[in-house]
């Protein structure tokens, strides 16, 4: 193979990354690839310190691997691990041995950086290096399994046809439901307080929320929120078109514990689908843990069907003590739009 080197990604590499993603997507159409601009501008990339690329001697990008930290905060139980998310990609047009060499070189850089980042995480938690891959990305899956990673979750990809009739469900009593753009910092803080209470392992801060709200998808998106009689937020869902267009997403569904069991999750999902149809979209796609039976039931009841599967692979950088931590929570990667339903 041509001589290959690995280095940190820079802003000047954006056109090369776009070309690399284009080649990769052509070979594996259902692979989840974030917009290349994310790796230049997202704070999790740390100006390229957390992103690596492999270059051949002609100056072509032949491999790519980010590592995004997702640490627990001080309120997260010690049974939950810190996560560092990566994906190790090699040009699918390369011969198998050359692709393996590239993946190995990138993984070495990723592990070294992940250990450095983990040193700054709050102590007491296990630390997992994790990767989410579509089932069709078999070479990448096999490589990570051969490097000591293990399968720890399976995720359903579900789609709803918005041209079909939507569920006609009654609005739960005791709440006012409205579309909510969270335009002020006080509104954003109220949202984050409720969100982080329901999904502590996926905790967000204001900077992360505001980064999302600057996306092209949010320009046409909205929260659909439920408030109690005192005006307190008790449940919410985000509904927005995907940044690359063509379909919509219902994301970050949560209901405060004392309000669960009243049909709020199902009502909000259906309201989100109605909003996506209203803005001209014909389908909605989401992800949900295969073992989250209540959430799968909600989505199936609102017209979603399973169309694909994704696997989560992980390797402990700092192993848990007293047995493995629970695997119920899908910790969100910054560059993806993972779907959760906390009933």
C-alpha atoms as a PDB file:
ATOM      1  CA  UNK A   1       0.000   0.000   0.000  1.00  0.00           C
ATOM      2  CA  UNK A   2       1.136   3.647  -0.279  1.00  0.00           C
ATOM      3  CA  UNK A   3       2.984   5.105   2.706  1.00  0.00           C
ATOM      4  CA  UNK A   4       0.483   6.118   5.394  1.00  0.00           C
ATOM      5  CA  UNK A   5       0.801   8.555   8.287  1.00  0.00           C
ATOM      6  CA  UNK A   6      -1.612   9.522  11.054  1.00  0.00           C
ATOM      7  CA  UNK A   7      -1.994  13.002  12.518  1.00  0.00           C
ATOM      8  CA  UNK A   8      -4.494  15.354  14.091  1.00  0.00           C
ATOM      9  CA  UNK A   9      -7.260  16.745  11.924  1.00  0.00           C
ATOM     10  CA  UNK A  10      -7.122  20.453  11.044  1.00  0.00           C
ATOM     11  CA  UNK A  11      -9.547  22.951   9.564  1.00  0.00           C
ATOM     12  CA  UNK A  12      -7.700  22.674   6.245  1.00  0.00           C
ATOM     13  CA  UNK A  13      -8.659  18.998   6.059  1.00  0.00           C
ATOM     14  CA  UNK A  14     -12.379  19.704   5.704  1.00  0.00           C
ATOM     15  CA  UNK A  15     -12.489  19.166   1.898  1.00  0.00           C
ATOM     16  CA  UNK A  16     -10.481  15.945   2.259  1.00  0.00           C
ATOM     17  CA  UNK A  17     -12.828  14.669   4.958  1.00  0.00           C
ATOM     18  CA  UNK A  18     -15.858  15.487   2.800  1.00  0.00           C
ATOM     19  CA  UNK A  19     -14.323  13.462  -0.033  1.00  0.00           C
ATOM     20  CA  UNK A  20     -13.514  10.577   2.318  1.00  0.00           C
ATOM     21  CA  UNK A  21     -17.065  10.513   3.713  1.00  0.00           C
ATOM     22  CA  UNK A  22     -18.458  10.609   0.173  1.00  0.00           C
ATOM     23  CA  UNK A  23     -16.431   7.519  -0.805  1.00  0.00           C
ATOM     24  CA  UNK A  24     -17.348   5.735   2.396  1.00  0.00           C
ATOM     25  CA  UNK A  25     -21.071   6.498   2.085  1.00  0.00           C
ATOM     26  CA  UNK A  26     -21.103   5.320  -1.522  1.00  0.00           C
ATOM     27  CA  UNK A  27     -19.771   1.942  -0.384  1.00  0.00           C
ATOM     28  CA  UNK A  28     -21.896   1.671   2.791  1.00  0.00           C
ATOM     29  CA  UNK A  29     -25.039   3.765   2.191  1.00  0.00           C
ATOM     30  CA  UNK A  30     -26.580   3.271   5.634  1.00  0.00           C
ATOM     31  CA  UNK A  31     -23.452   4.200   7.598  1.00  0.00           C
ATOM     32  CA  UNK A  32     -24.088   7.056  10.039  1.00  0.00           C
ATOM     33  CA  UNK A  33     -21.725   9.878   9.153  1.00  0.00           C
ATOM     34  CA  UNK A  34     -22.010  13.299  10.750  1.00  0.00           C
ATOM     35  CA  UNK A  35     -21.633  16.404   8.575  1.00  0.00           C
ATOM     36  CA  UNK A  36     -17.863  16.854   8.092  1.00  0.00           C
ATOM     37  CA  UNK A  37     -18.089  20.418   9.400  1.00  0.00           C
ATOM     38  CA  UNK A  38     -18.918  19.066  12.854  1.00  0.00           C
ATOM     39  CA  UNK A  39     -15.351  17.858  13.368  1.00  0.00           C
ATOM     40  CA  UNK A  40     -14.067  21.358  12.664  1.00  0.00           C
ATOM     41  CA  UNK A  41     -16.468  23.378  14.796  1.00  0.00           C
ATOM     42  CA  UNK A  42     -17.898  21.154  17.539  1.00  0.00           C
ATOM     43  CA  UNK A  43     -16.394  21.949  20.969  1.00  0.00           C
ATOM     44  CA  UNK A  44     -15.995  18.214  21.598  1.00  0.00           C
ATOM     45  CA  UNK A  45     -13.419  18.072  18.806  1.00  0.00           C
ATOM     46  CA  UNK A  46     -11.208  20.449  20.833  1.00  0.00           C
ATOM     47  CA  UNK A  47      -9.829  22.145  17.717  1.00  0.00           C
ATOM     48  CA  UNK A  48      -8.673  18.828  16.286  1.00  0.00           C
ATOM     49  CA  UNK A  49      -6.995  17.512  19.440  1.00  0.00           C
ATOM     50  CA  UNK A  50      -9.671  14.793  19.655  1.00  0.00           C
ATOM     51  CA  UNK A  51      -9.813  13.966  15.930  1.00  0.00           C
ATOM     52  CA  UNK A  52      -7.320  11.929  13.897  1.00  0.00           C
ATOM     53  CA  UNK A  53      -6.905  11.153  10.225  1.00  0.00           C
ATOM     54  CA  UNK A  54      -4.723   8.843   8.159  1.00  0.00           C
ATOM     55  CA  UNK A  55      -3.154  10.240   4.998  1.00  0.00           C
ATOM     56  CA  UNK A  56      -1.432   8.396   2.181  1.00  0.00           C
ATOM     57  CA  UNK A  57       1.630   9.714   0.373  1.00  0.00           C
ATOM     58  CA  UNK A  58      -0.524  11.333  -2.319  1.00  0.00           C
ATOM     59  CA  UNK A  59      -2.278  13.528   0.267  1.00  0.00           C
ATOM     60  CA  UNK A  60      -5.558  11.574   0.164  1.00  0.00           C
ATOM     61  CA  UNK A  61      -7.354  10.868   3.413  1.00  0.00           C
ATOM     62  CA  UNK A  62      -7.576   7.100   3.807  1.00  0.00           C
ATOM     63  CA  UNK A  63      -8.797   6.813   7.401  1.00  0.00           C
ATOM     64  CA  UNK A  64     -10.557   8.819  10.078  1.00  0.00           C
ATOM     65  CA  UNK A  65     -11.191   8.460  13.822  1.00  0.00           C
ATOM     66  CA  UNK A  66     -12.578  10.975  16.348  1.00  0.00           C
ATOM     67  CA  UNK A  67     -12.855  10.462  20.099  1.00  0.00           C
ATOM     68  CA  UNK A  68     -15.565  12.479  21.845  1.00  0.00           C
ATOM     69  CA  UNK A  69     -15.674  12.570  25.663  1.00  0.00           C
ATOM     70  CA  UNK A  70     -19.033  12.026  27.392  1.00  0.00           C
ATOM     71  CA  UNK A  71     -18.173  12.042  31.116  1.00  0.00           C
ATOM     72  CA  UNK A  72     -20.659  11.626  33.919  1.00  0.00           C
ATOM     73  CA  UNK A  73     -21.297  14.664  36.076  1.00  0.00           C
ATOM     74  CA  UNK A  74     -21.172  14.829  39.855  1.00  0.00           C
ATOM     75  CA  UNK A  75     -24.864  13.899  40.152  1.00  0.00           C
ATOM     76  CA  UNK A  76     -24.526  10.652  38.153  1.00  0.00           C
ATOM     77  CA  UNK A  77     -24.483   7.427  40.224  1.00  0.00           C
ATOM     78  CA  UNK A  78     -21.082   5.753  40.407  1.00  0.00           C
ATOM     79  CA  UNK A  79     -22.625   2.648  38.835  1.00  0.00           C
ATOM     80  CA  UNK A  80     -22.748   4.534  35.507  1.00  0.00           C
ATOM     81  CA  UNK A  81     -19.514   4.640  33.486  1.00  0.00           C
ATOM     82  CA  UNK A  82     -17.884   7.558  31.769  1.00  0.00           C
ATOM     83  CA  UNK A  83     -17.899   7.150  27.973  1.00  0.00           C
ATOM     84  CA  UNK A  84     -15.548   8.165  25.222  1.00  0.00           C
ATOM     85  CA  UNK A  85     -17.089   7.687  21.783  1.00  0.00           C
ATOM     86  CA  UNK A  86     -15.119   6.787  18.693  1.00  0.00           C
ATOM     87  CA  UNK A  87     -15.497   5.295  15.251  1.00  0.00           C
ATOM     88  CA  UNK A  88     -12.507   3.879  13.389  1.00  0.00           C
ATOM     89  CA  UNK A  89     -12.986   4.174   9.622  1.00  0.00           C
ATOM     90  CA  UNK A  90     -10.761   3.085   6.747  1.00  0.00           C
ATOM     91  CA  UNK A  91     -11.377   3.755   3.066  1.00  0.00           C
ATOM     92  CA  UNK A  92     -13.597   0.843   1.936  1.00  0.00           C
ATOM     93  CA  UNK A  93     -11.773   0.739  -1.413  1.00  0.00           C
ATOM     94  CA  UNK A  94      -8.521  -0.425   0.194  1.00  0.00           C
ATOM     95  CA  UNK A  95      -7.325  -4.007   0.366  1.00  0.00           C
ATOM     96  CA  UNK A  96      -8.137  -5.739   3.652  1.00  0.00           C
ATOM     97  CA  UNK A  97      -4.572  -5.761   5.012  1.00  0.00           C
ATOM     98  CA  UNK A  98      -4.053  -2.080   4.241  1.00  0.00           C
ATOM     99  CA  UNK A  99      -7.383  -1.142   5.833  1.00  0.00           C
ATOM    100  CA  UNK A 100      -6.527  -3.127   8.966  1.00  0.00           C
ATOM    101  CA  UNK A 101      -3.169  -1.365   9.225  1.00  0.00           C
ATOM    102  CA  UNK A 102      -4.893   2.023   9.033  1.00  0.00           C
ATOM    103  CA  UNK A 103      -7.502   1.100  11.636  1.00  0.00           C
ATOM    104  CA  UNK A 104      -4.806  -0.177  13.998  1.00  0.00           C
ATOM    105  CA  UNK A 105      -2.761   3.013  13.688  1.00  0.00           C
ATOM    106  CA  UNK A 106      -5.830   5.188  14.299  1.00  0.00           C
ATOM    107  CA  UNK A 107      -6.997   3.097  17.242  1.00  0.00           C
ATOM    108  CA  UNK A 108      -3.594   3.531  18.875  1.00  0.00           C
ATOM    109  CA  UNK A 109      -3.952   7.317  18.617  1.00  0.00           C
ATOM    110  CA  UNK A 110      -7.550   7.181  19.871  1.00  0.00           C
ATOM    111  CA  UNK A 111      -6.723   5.048  22.925  1.00  0.00           C
ATOM    112  CA  UNK A 112      -3.810   7.309  23.914  1.00  0.00           C
ATOM    113  CA  UNK A 113      -5.997  10.414  23.637  1.00  0.00           C
ATOM    114  CA  UNK A 114      -8.912   8.719  25.423  1.00  0.00           C
ATOM    115  CA  UNK A 115      -6.695   7.867  28.392  1.00  0.00           C
ATOM    116  CA  UNK A 116      -5.515  11.474  28.596  1.00  0.00           C
ATOM    117  CA  UNK A 117      -9.087  12.762  28.515  1.00  0.00           C
ATOM    118  CA  UNK A 118     -10.220  10.196  31.090  1.00  0.00           C
ATOM    119  CA  UNK A 119      -7.602  11.452  33.542  1.00  0.00           C
ATOM    120  CA  UNK A 120      -9.672  14.635  33.846  1.00  0.00           C
ATOM    121  CA  UNK A 121     -13.016  12.905  34.482  1.00  0.00           C
ATOM    122  CA  UNK A 122     -14.636  12.862  37.954  1.00  0.00           C
ATOM    123  CA  UNK A 123     -13.207   9.878  39.866  1.00  0.00           C
ATOM    124  CA  UNK A 124     -15.037   6.754  40.994  1.00  0.00           C
ATOM    125  CA  UNK A 125     -16.632   5.742  37.679  1.00  0.00           C
ATOM    126  CA  UNK A 126     -15.563   3.054  35.250  1.00  0.00           C
ATOM    127  CA  UNK A 127     -14.418   4.353  31.854  1.00  0.00           C
ATOM    128  CA  UNK A 128     -15.528   2.814  28.576  1.00  0.00           C
ATOM    129  CA  UNK A 129     -14.258   3.505  25.073  1.00  0.00           C
ATOM    130  CA  UNK A 130     -17.309   2.891  22.899  1.00  0.00           C
ATOM    131  CA  UNK A 131     -18.276   2.807  19.235  1.00  0.00           C
ATOM    132  CA  UNK A 132     -21.661   2.674  17.515  1.00  0.00           C
ATOM    133  CA  UNK A 133     -21.760   1.067  14.083  1.00  0.00           C
ATOM    134  CA  UNK A 134     -24.455  -0.038  11.704  1.00  0.00           C
ATOM    135  CA  UNK A 135     -24.732  -3.795  11.231  1.00  0.00           C
ATOM    136  CA  UNK A 136     -23.574  -3.336   7.625  1.00  0.00           C
ATOM    137  CA  UNK A 137     -20.184  -1.983   8.764  1.00  0.00           C
ATOM    138  CA  UNK A 138     -18.867  -5.500   9.189  1.00  0.00           C
ATOM    139  CA  UNK A 139     -15.145  -4.814   8.609  1.00  0.00           C
ATOM    140  CA  UNK A 140     -15.110  -2.113  11.301  1.00  0.00           C
ATOM    141  CA  UNK A 141     -17.095  -4.321  13.698  1.00  0.00           C
ATOM    142  CA  UNK A 142     -14.810  -7.304  13.167  1.00  0.00           C
ATOM    143  CA  UNK A 143     -11.723  -5.145  13.660  1.00  0.00           C
ATOM    144  CA  UNK A 144     -12.925  -3.783  17.014  1.00  0.00           C
ATOM    145  CA  UNK A 145     -14.022  -7.234  18.212  1.00  0.00           C
ATOM    146  CA  UNK A 146     -10.519  -8.430  17.395  1.00  0.00           C
ATOM    147  CA  UNK A 147      -9.091  -5.598  19.518  1.00  0.00           C
ATOM    148  CA  UNK A 148     -10.921  -6.595  22.697  1.00  0.00           C
ATOM    149  CA  UNK A 149     -14.153  -4.647  22.228  1.00  0.00           C
ATOM    150  CA  UNK A 150     -17.388  -6.417  23.164  1.00  0.00           C
ATOM    151  CA  UNK A 151     -20.982  -6.010  22.030  1.00  0.00           C
ATOM    152  CA  UNK A 152     -22.975  -4.473  24.891  1.00  0.00           C
ATOM    153  CA  UNK A 153     -26.116  -3.050  23.258  1.00  0.00           C
ATOM    154  CA  UNK A 154     -28.203  -3.399  20.123  1.00  0.00           C
ATOM    155  CA  UNK A 155     -30.207  -0.437  18.838  1.00  0.00           C
ATOM    156  CA  UNK A 156     -33.298  -0.531  16.635  1.00  0.00           C
ATOM    157  CA  UNK A 157     -33.508   1.982  13.800  1.00  0.00           C
ATOM    158  CA  UNK A 158     -37.204   2.779  13.416  1.00  0.00           C
ATOM    159  CA  UNK A 159     -39.093   4.703  10.748  1.00  0.00           C
ATOM    160  CA  UNK A 160     -42.565   6.222  10.638  1.00  0.00           C
ATOM    161  CA  UNK A 161     -44.347   6.911   7.340  1.00  0.00           C
ATOM    162  CA  UNK A 162     -45.815  10.382   7.795  1.00  0.00           C
ATOM    163  CA  UNK A 163     -48.056   9.967   4.769  1.00  0.00           C
ATOM    164  CA  UNK A 164     -50.110   7.448   6.780  1.00  0.00           C
ATOM    165  CA  UNK A 165     -52.705   8.514   9.398  1.00  0.00           C
ATOM    166  CA  UNK A 166     -51.194   9.335  12.773  1.00  0.00           C
ATOM    167  CA  UNK A 167     -52.385   8.134  16.159  1.00  0.00           C
ATOM    168  CA  UNK A 168     -55.376  10.098  17.444  1.00  0.00           C
ATOM    169  CA  UNK A 169     -54.652  10.111  21.182  1.00  0.00           C
ATOM    170  CA  UNK A 170     -56.343  12.337  23.800  1.00  0.00           C
ATOM    171  CA  UNK A 171     -54.240  14.964  25.534  1.00  0.00           C
ATOM    172  CA  UNK A 172     -53.341  13.880  29.093  1.00  0.00           C
ATOM    173  CA  UNK A 173     -55.089  15.898  31.784  1.00  0.00           C
ATOM    174  CA  UNK A 174     -53.364  18.308  34.150  1.00  0.00           C
ATOM    175  CA  UNK A 175     -50.902  19.728  31.614  1.00  0.00           C
ATOM    176  CA  UNK A 176     -50.676  22.448  29.019  1.00  0.00           C
ATOM    177  CA  UNK A 177     -48.810  21.405  25.886  1.00  0.00           C
ATOM    178  CA  UNK A 178     -47.238  23.873  23.491  1.00  0.00           C
ATOM    179  CA  UNK A 179     -44.430  24.283  20.988  1.00  0.00           C
ATOM    180  CA  UNK A 180     -41.415  25.843  22.623  1.00  0.00           C
ATOM    181  CA  UNK A 181     -38.286  27.279  21.006  1.00  0.00           C
ATOM    182  CA  UNK A 182     -36.399  27.851  24.289  1.00  0.00           C
ATOM    183  CA  UNK A 183     -35.112  31.207  23.059  1.00  0.00           C
ATOM    184  CA  UNK A 184     -33.942  32.603  26.402  1.00  0.00           C
ATOM    185  CA  UNK A 185     -31.219  31.257  28.664  1.00  0.00           C
ATOM    186  CA  UNK A 186     -33.696  30.945  31.545  1.00  0.00           C
ATOM    187  CA  UNK A 187     -35.912  28.725  29.356  1.00  0.00           C
ATOM    188  CA  UNK A 188     -32.885  26.674  28.316  1.00  0.00           C
ATOM    189  CA  UNK A 189     -31.887  26.237  31.962  1.00  0.00           C
ATOM    190  CA  UNK A 190     -35.394  25.063  32.843  1.00  0.00           C
ATOM    191  CA  UNK A 191     -35.250  22.545  30.005  1.00  0.00           C
ATOM    192  CA  UNK A 192     -31.807  21.288  31.049  1.00  0.00           C
ATOM    193  CA  UNK A 193     -32.837  20.902  34.687  1.00  0.00           C
ATOM    194  CA  UNK A 194     -35.728  18.613  33.708  1.00  0.00           C
ATOM    195  CA  UNK A 195     -33.770  16.795  31.005  1.00  0.00           C
ATOM    196  CA  UNK A 196     -30.784  16.096  33.269  1.00  0.00           C
ATOM    197  CA  UNK A 197     -33.056  14.894  36.052  1.00  0.00           C
ATOM    198  CA  UNK A 198     -34.622  12.318  33.728  1.00  0.00           C
ATOM    199  CA  UNK A 199     -31.481  11.371  31.801  1.00  0.00           C
ATOM    200  CA  UNK A 200     -28.519  11.960  34.144  1.00  0.00           C
ATOM    201  CA  UNK A 201     -26.170   9.671  32.207  1.00  0.00           C
ATOM    202  CA  UNK A 202     -26.785  11.817  29.125  1.00  0.00           C
ATOM    203  CA  UNK A 203     -26.489  15.122  30.986  1.00  0.00           C
ATOM    204  CA  UNK A 204     -26.114  18.248  28.864  1.00  0.00           C
ATOM    205  CA  UNK A 205     -24.957  21.736  29.716  1.00  0.00           C
ATOM    206  CA  UNK A 206     -26.076  25.022  28.189  1.00  0.00           C
ATOM    207  CA  UNK A 207     -23.147  25.104  25.748  1.00  0.00           C
ATOM    208  CA  UNK A 208     -24.087  21.704  24.286  1.00  0.00           C
ATOM    209  CA  UNK A 209     -27.747  22.683  23.983  1.00  0.00           C
ATOM    210  CA  UNK A 210     -26.908  26.000  22.337  1.00  0.00           C
ATOM    211  CA  UNK A 211     -24.584  24.270  19.874  1.00  0.00           C
ATOM    212  CA  UNK A 212     -27.475  22.040  18.816  1.00  0.00           C
ATOM    213  CA  UNK A 213     -29.764  25.064  18.560  1.00  0.00           C
ATOM    214  CA  UNK A 214     -27.376  26.652  16.054  1.00  0.00           C
ATOM    215  CA  UNK A 215     -27.782  23.714  13.647  1.00  0.00           C
ATOM    216  CA  UNK A 216     -29.674  23.962  10.381  1.00  0.00           C
ATOM    217  CA  UNK A 217     -32.044  21.258  11.608  1.00  0.00           C
ATOM    218  CA  UNK A 218     -33.116  23.306  14.628  1.00  0.00           C
ATOM    219  CA  UNK A 219     -33.825  26.297  12.383  1.00  0.00           C
ATOM    220  CA  UNK A 220     -37.071  24.493  11.519  1.00  0.00           C
ATOM    221  CA  UNK A 221     -37.304  22.466  14.716  1.00  0.00           C
ATOM    222  CA  UNK A 222     -39.121  22.904  17.993  1.00  0.00           C
ATOM    223  CA  UNK A 223     -39.545  21.413  21.405  1.00  0.00           C
ATOM    224  CA  UNK A 224     -43.048  20.242  22.194  1.00  0.00           C
ATOM    225  CA  UNK A 225     -43.338  20.620  25.944  1.00  0.00           C
ATOM    226  CA  UNK A 226     -45.843  19.829  28.688  1.00  0.00           C
ATOM    227  CA  UNK A 227     -46.203  22.200  31.647  1.00  0.00           C
ATOM    228  CA  UNK A 228     -48.106  21.727  34.885  1.00  0.00           C
ATOM    229  CA  UNK A 229     -50.591  24.238  36.328  1.00  0.00           C
ATOM    230  CA  UNK A 230     -47.742  26.217  37.918  1.00  0.00           C
ATOM    231  CA  UNK A 231     -45.908  26.495  34.599  1.00  0.00           C
ATOM    232  CA  UNK A 232     -43.211  23.944  35.443  1.00  0.00           C
ATOM    233  CA  UNK A 233     -41.847  21.767  32.647  1.00  0.00           C
ATOM    234  CA  UNK A 234     -42.815  18.118  33.190  1.00  0.00           C
ATOM    235  CA  UNK A 235     -42.186  16.481  29.800  1.00  0.00           C
ATOM    236  CA  UNK A 236     -40.743  17.293  26.399  1.00  0.00           C
ATOM    237  CA  UNK A 237     -39.722  16.053  22.973  1.00  0.00           C
ATOM    238  CA  UNK A 238     -37.597  17.682  20.274  1.00  0.00           C
ATOM    239  CA  UNK A 239     -38.840  17.516  16.679  1.00  0.00           C
ATOM    240  CA  UNK A 240     -36.706  18.724  13.785  1.00  0.00           C
ATOM    241  CA  UNK A 241     -35.666  17.870  10.235  1.00  0.00           C
ATOM    242  CA  UNK A 242     -32.347  16.082   9.832  1.00  0.00           C
ATOM    243  CA  UNK A 243     -29.572  18.487   8.842  1.00  0.00           C
ATOM    244  CA  UNK A 244     -29.041  16.697   5.533  1.00  0.00           C
ATOM    245  CA  UNK A 245     -32.767  16.784   4.814  1.00  0.00           C
ATOM    246  CA  UNK A 246     -35.208  14.192   3.580  1.00  0.00           C
ATOM    247  CA  UNK A 247     -36.545  13.027   6.928  1.00  0.00           C
ATOM    248  CA  UNK A 248     -37.379  14.248  10.408  1.00  0.00           C
ATOM    249  CA  UNK A 249     -36.410  13.203  13.913  1.00  0.00           C
ATOM    250  CA  UNK A 250     -38.205  13.029  17.236  1.00  0.00           C
ATOM    251  CA  UNK A 251     -35.498  13.199  19.874  1.00  0.00           C
ATOM    252  CA  UNK A 252     -34.846  13.423  23.617  1.00  0.00           C
ATOM    253  CA  UNK A 253     -38.243  12.287  24.868  1.00  0.00           C
ATOM    254  CA  UNK A 254     -38.477  12.615  28.647  1.00  0.00           C
ATOM    255  CA  UNK A 255     -41.172  12.686  31.312  1.00  0.00           C
ATOM    256  CA  UNK A 256     -40.528  13.558  34.969  1.00  0.00           C
ATOM    257  CA  UNK A 257     -40.935  10.457  37.183  1.00  0.00           C
ATOM    258  CA  UNK A 258     -44.010  11.763  39.011  1.00  0.00           C
ATOM    259  CA  UNK A 259     -45.784  12.339  35.680  1.00  0.00           C
ATOM    260  CA  UNK A 260     -45.143   8.945  34.104  1.00  0.00           C
ATOM    261  CA  UNK A 261     -47.855   6.424  33.374  1.00  0.00           C
ATOM    262  CA  UNK A 262     -50.295   9.053  32.056  1.00  0.00           C
ATOM    263  CA  UNK A 263     -49.625   8.668  28.329  1.00  0.00           C
ATOM    264  CA  UNK A 264     -47.476  11.787  28.007  1.00  0.00           C
ATOM    265  CA  UNK A 265     -44.634  10.094  26.112  1.00  0.00           C
ATOM    266  CA  UNK A 266     -46.995   8.649  23.507  1.00  0.00           C
ATOM    267  CA  UNK A 267     -48.861  11.932  23.126  1.00  0.00           C
ATOM    268  CA  UNK A 268     -45.653  13.950  22.684  1.00  0.00           C
ATOM    269  CA  UNK A 269     -44.200  11.520  20.142  1.00  0.00           C
ATOM    270  CA  UNK A 270     -47.375  11.752  18.113  1.00  0.00           C
ATOM    271  CA  UNK A 271     -47.369  15.557  18.404  1.00  0.00           C
ATOM    272  CA  UNK A 272     -43.776  15.579  17.195  1.00  0.00           C
ATOM    273  CA  UNK A 273     -44.680  13.461  14.188  1.00  0.00           C
ATOM    274  CA  UNK A 274     -47.573  15.779  13.387  1.00  0.00           C
ATOM    275  CA  UNK A 275     -45.187  18.739  13.482  1.00  0.00           C
ATOM    276  CA  UNK A 276     -42.723  17.024  11.123  1.00  0.00           C
ATOM    277  CA  UNK A 277     -45.540  16.306   8.680  1.00  0.00           C
ATOM    278  CA  UNK A 278     -46.721  19.911   8.971  1.00  0.00           C
ATOM    279  CA  UNK A 279     -43.318  21.213   7.824  1.00  0.00           C
ATOM    280  CA  UNK A 280     -43.448  19.007   4.740  1.00  0.00           C
ATOM    281  CA  UNK A 281     -41.587  15.818   5.714  1.00  0.00           C
ATOM    282  CA  UNK A 282     -42.817  12.387   4.668  1.00  0.00           C
ATOM    283  CA  UNK A 283     -40.892  10.184   7.107  1.00  0.00           C
ATOM    284  CA  UNK A 284     -39.351  10.247  10.566  1.00  0.00           C
ATOM    285  CA  UNK A 285     -36.447   8.098  11.736  1.00  0.00           C
ATOM    286  CA  UNK A 286     -35.244   7.427  15.268  1.00  0.00           C
ATOM    287  CA  UNK A 287     -33.109   5.059  17.310  1.00  0.00           C
ATOM    288  CA  UNK A 288     -34.058   3.194  20.478  1.00  0.00           C
ATOM    289  CA  UNK A 289     -32.374   0.517  22.570  1.00  0.00           C
ATOM    290  CA  UNK A 290     -33.647  -2.904  21.579  1.00  0.00           C
ATOM    291  CA  UNK A 291     -34.021  -3.906  25.246  1.00  0.00           C
ATOM    292  CA  UNK A 292     -36.040  -0.788  26.159  1.00  0.00           C
ATOM    293  CA  UNK A 293     -39.378  -2.522  25.739  1.00  0.00           C
ATOM    294  CA  UNK A 294     -41.576   0.372  27.019  1.00  0.00           C
ATOM    295  CA  UNK A 295     -39.987   2.825  24.558  1.00  0.00           C
ATOM    296  CA  UNK A 296     -40.194   0.363  21.665  1.00  0.00           C
ATOM    297  CA  UNK A 297     -43.883  -0.106  22.499  1.00  0.00           C
ATOM    298  CA  UNK A 298     -44.492   3.659  22.448  1.00  0.00           C
ATOM    299  CA  UNK A 299     -42.840   4.039  19.075  1.00  0.00           C
ATOM    300  CA  UNK A 300     -44.618   1.047  17.556  1.00  0.00           C
ATOM    301  CA  UNK A 301     -47.924   2.372  18.873  1.00  0.00           C
ATOM    302  CA  UNK A 302     -47.242   5.662  17.062  1.00  0.00           C
ATOM    303  CA  UNK A 303     -46.595   3.963  13.728  1.00  0.00           C
ATOM    304  CA  UNK A 304     -42.839   3.302  13.780  1.00  0.00           C
ATOM    305  CA  UNK A 305     -41.420   0.115  12.264  1.00  0.00           C
ATOM    306  CA  UNK A 306     -37.959  -1.414  12.727  1.00  0.00           C
ATOM    307  CA  UNK A 307     -35.921  -1.033   9.531  1.00  0.00           C
ATOM    308  CA  UNK A 308     -32.314  -1.612  10.609  1.00  0.00           C
ATOM    309  CA  UNK A 309     -30.027  -2.304  13.551  1.00  0.00           C
ATOM    310  CA  UNK A 310     -26.980  -0.691  15.077  1.00  0.00           C
ATOM    311  CA  UNK A 311     -24.505  -2.256  17.490  1.00  0.00           C
ATOM    312  CA  UNK A 312     -22.693  -0.649  20.407  1.00  0.00           C
ATOM    313  CA  UNK A 313     -19.227  -2.016  21.087  1.00  0.00           C
ATOM    314  CA  UNK A 314     -17.160  -1.145  24.134  1.00  0.00           C
ATOM    315  CA  UNK A 315     -13.816  -1.735  25.779  1.00  0.00           C
ATOM    316  CA  UNK A 316     -13.040  -0.839  29.382  1.00  0.00           C
ATOM    317  CA  UNK A 317     -10.206   1.638  29.861  1.00  0.00           C
ATOM    318  CA  UNK A 318     -10.939   1.538  33.585  1.00  0.00           C
ATOM    319  CA  UNK A 319     -12.936  -1.533  34.520  1.00  0.00           C
ATOM    320  CA  UNK A 320     -15.949  -1.347  36.850  1.00  0.00           C
ATOM    321  CA  UNK A 321     -15.642  -2.655  40.382  1.00  0.00           C
ATOM    322  CA  UNK A 322     -18.196  -4.910  41.982  1.00  0.00           C
ATOM    323  CA  UNK A 323     -19.585  -6.101  38.648  1.00  0.00           C
ATOM    324  CA  UNK A 324     -20.498  -4.346  35.429  1.00  0.00           C
ATOM    325  CA  UNK A 325     -22.631  -1.197  35.615  1.00  0.00           C
ATOM    326  CA  UNK A 326     -26.161  -1.321  34.197  1.00  0.00           C
ATOM    327  CA  UNK A 327     -26.438  -1.114  30.415  1.00  0.00           C
ATOM    328  CA  UNK A 328     -29.867   0.548  30.221  1.00  0.00           C
ATOM    329  CA  UNK A 329     -28.821   3.992  29.113  1.00  0.00           C
ATOM    330  CA  UNK A 330     -27.721   4.962  25.641  1.00  0.00           C
ATOM    331  CA  UNK A 331     -25.191   7.715  26.302  1.00  0.00           C
ATOM    332  CA  UNK A 332     -25.468  10.278  23.557  1.00  0.00           C
ATOM    333  CA  UNK A 333     -22.618  11.091  21.226  1.00  0.00           C
ATOM    334  CA  UNK A 334     -22.292  14.743  20.388  1.00  0.00           C
ATOM    335  CA  UNK A 335     -22.269  14.174  16.647  1.00  0.00           C
ATOM    336  CA  UNK A 336     -25.212  11.898  16.509  1.00  0.00           C
ATOM    337  CA  UNK A 337     -28.887  12.215  17.275  1.00  0.00           C
ATOM    338  CA  UNK A 338     -29.567   9.303  19.553  1.00  0.00           C
ATOM    339  CA  UNK A 339     -33.154   8.688  20.487  1.00  0.00           C
ATOM    340  CA  UNK A 340     -34.308   7.931  23.995  1.00  0.00           C
ATOM    341  CA  UNK A 341     -37.730   7.560  25.533  1.00  0.00           C
ATOM    342  CA  UNK A 342     -37.804   7.960  29.292  1.00  0.00           C
ATOM    343  CA  UNK A 343     -41.323   7.059  30.346  1.00  0.00           C
END
